[in-house]
Amino acid sequence: MGHWIQARRGISVVQLQIALLILAVVVAGASLSYYYASLPR
């Protein structure tokens, strides 16, 4: 699974940053929606 990272080493850093950014946005959105769903109406 790690061989394609070394074959495209120049792109992998940018892809890693983009993946981390998307992951952070998804986690923030999920935690916010969970927080608003658990609020008492």
N, C-alpha and C. Protein backbone atom coordinates (compact mmCIF):
# COMPACT_ATOMS: atom_id res chain seq x y z
N MET A 1 0.82 -1.20 0.00
CA MET A 1 0.00 0.00 0.00
C MET A 1 0.86 1.25 0.00
N GLY A 2 2.12 1.13 0.40
CA GLY A 2 2.97 2.30 0.46
C GLY A 2 3.80 2.52 -0.78
N HIS A 3 3.72 1.61 -1.77
CA HIS A 3 4.61 1.74 -2.93
C HIS A 3 4.15 2.86 -3.86
N TRP A 4 2.84 3.12 -3.94
CA TRP A 4 2.38 4.18 -4.85
C TRP A 4 2.69 5.56 -4.30
N ILE A 5 2.93 5.65 -2.99
CA ILE A 5 3.29 6.95 -2.42
C ILE A 5 4.70 7.34 -2.88
N GLN A 6 5.62 6.36 -2.91
CA GLN A 6 6.98 6.67 -3.32
C GLN A 6 7.08 6.89 -4.82
N ALA A 7 6.15 6.31 -5.57
CA ALA A 7 6.17 6.52 -7.02
C ALA A 7 5.71 7.93 -7.36
N ARG A 8 4.88 8.51 -6.52
CA ARG A 8 4.37 9.87 -6.77
C ARG A 8 4.68 10.75 -5.56
N ARG A 9 5.94 10.83 -5.20
CA ARG A 9 6.30 11.51 -3.96
C ARG A 9 6.02 13.01 -4.04
N GLY A 10 6.13 13.60 -5.23
CA GLY A 10 5.94 15.04 -5.35
C GLY A 10 4.49 15.45 -5.09
N ILE A 11 3.54 14.56 -5.40
CA ILE A 11 2.13 14.91 -5.24
C ILE A 11 1.63 14.50 -3.86
N SER A 12 2.31 13.53 -3.24
CA SER A 12 1.74 12.92 -2.04
C SER A 12 1.64 13.91 -0.89
N VAL A 13 2.57 14.87 -0.82
CA VAL A 13 2.51 15.85 0.27
C VAL A 13 1.28 16.74 0.11
N VAL A 14 1.01 17.17 -1.11
CA VAL A 14 -0.17 18.01 -1.36
C VAL A 14 -1.44 17.20 -1.12
N GLN A 15 -1.43 15.94 -1.58
CA GLN A 15 -2.61 15.10 -1.38
C GLN A 15 -2.85 14.86 0.10
N LEU A 16 -1.76 14.72 0.87
CA LEU A 16 -1.91 14.50 2.31
C LEU A 16 -2.51 15.73 2.98
N GLN A 17 -2.06 16.91 2.58
CA GLN A 17 -2.62 18.14 3.16
C GLN A 17 -4.09 18.30 2.79
N ILE A 18 -4.43 17.99 1.54
CA ILE A 18 -5.83 18.09 1.11
C ILE A 18 -6.69 17.08 1.87
N ALA A 19 -6.16 15.87 2.04
CA ALA A 19 -6.92 14.84 2.76
C ALA A 19 -7.13 15.25 4.22
N LEU A 20 -6.09 15.83 4.83
CA LEU A 20 -6.23 16.27 6.22
C LEU A 20 -7.23 17.41 6.33
N LEU A 21 -7.23 18.31 5.34
CA LEU A 21 -8.16 19.43 5.36
C LEU A 21 -9.60 18.94 5.22
N ILE A 22 -9.82 18.00 4.28
CA ILE A 22 -11.16 17.44 4.10
C ILE A 22 -11.60 16.70 5.36
N LEU A 23 -10.66 15.95 5.96
CA LEU A 23 -10.99 15.20 7.17
C LEU A 23 -11.36 16.15 8.30
N ALA A 24 -10.63 17.26 8.42
CA ALA A 24 -10.93 18.23 9.48
C ALA A 24 -12.31 18.86 9.27
N VAL A 25 -12.65 19.16 8.01
CA VAL A 25 -13.96 19.75 7.72
C VAL A 25 -15.07 18.75 8.03
N VAL A 26 -14.86 17.49 7.66
CA VAL A 26 -15.89 16.47 7.91
C VAL A 26 -16.07 16.26 9.41
N VAL A 27 -14.96 16.19 10.14
CA VAL A 27 -15.05 15.97 11.59
C VAL A 27 -15.72 17.16 12.26
N ALA A 28 -15.37 18.38 11.82
CA ALA A 28 -15.98 19.57 12.42
C ALA A 28 -17.48 19.60 12.13
N GLY A 29 -17.87 19.27 10.90
CA GLY A 29 -19.28 19.27 10.56
C GLY A 29 -20.06 18.20 11.31
N ALA A 30 -19.45 17.03 11.45
CA ALA A 30 -20.13 15.95 12.16
C ALA A 30 -20.28 16.28 13.64
N SER A 31 -19.22 16.83 14.23
CA SER A 31 -19.31 17.15 15.66
C SER A 31 -20.29 18.30 15.90
N LEU A 32 -20.34 19.27 14.98
CA LEU A 32 -21.29 20.37 15.14
C LEU A 32 -22.73 19.87 15.00
N SER A 33 -22.97 19.01 14.02
CA SER A 33 -24.33 18.50 13.85
C SER A 33 -24.73 17.61 15.02
N TYR A 34 -23.76 16.85 15.55
CA TYR A 34 -24.06 16.03 16.73
C TYR A 34 -24.34 16.91 17.95
N TYR A 35 -23.59 18.01 18.06
CA TYR A 35 -23.79 18.93 19.19
C TYR A 35 -25.17 19.58 19.11
N TYR A 36 -25.56 20.03 17.90
CA TYR A 36 -26.87 20.67 17.76
C TYR A 36 -28.00 19.65 17.91
N ALA A 37 -27.75 18.40 17.53
CA ALA A 37 -28.79 17.39 17.67
C ALA A 37 -28.99 17.01 19.13
N SER A 38 -27.94 17.12 19.94
CA SER A 38 -28.06 16.73 21.34
C SER A 38 -28.52 17.88 22.22
N LEU A 39 -28.71 19.07 21.64
CA LEU A 39 -29.20 20.19 22.44
C LEU A 39 -30.67 19.96 22.81
N PRO A 40 -31.04 20.33 24.01
CA PRO A 40 -32.47 20.21 24.38
C PRO A 40 -33.31 21.22 23.62
N ARG A 41 -34.40 20.76 23.11
CA ARG A 41 -35.29 21.64 22.34
C ARG A 41 -36.13 22.48 23.28
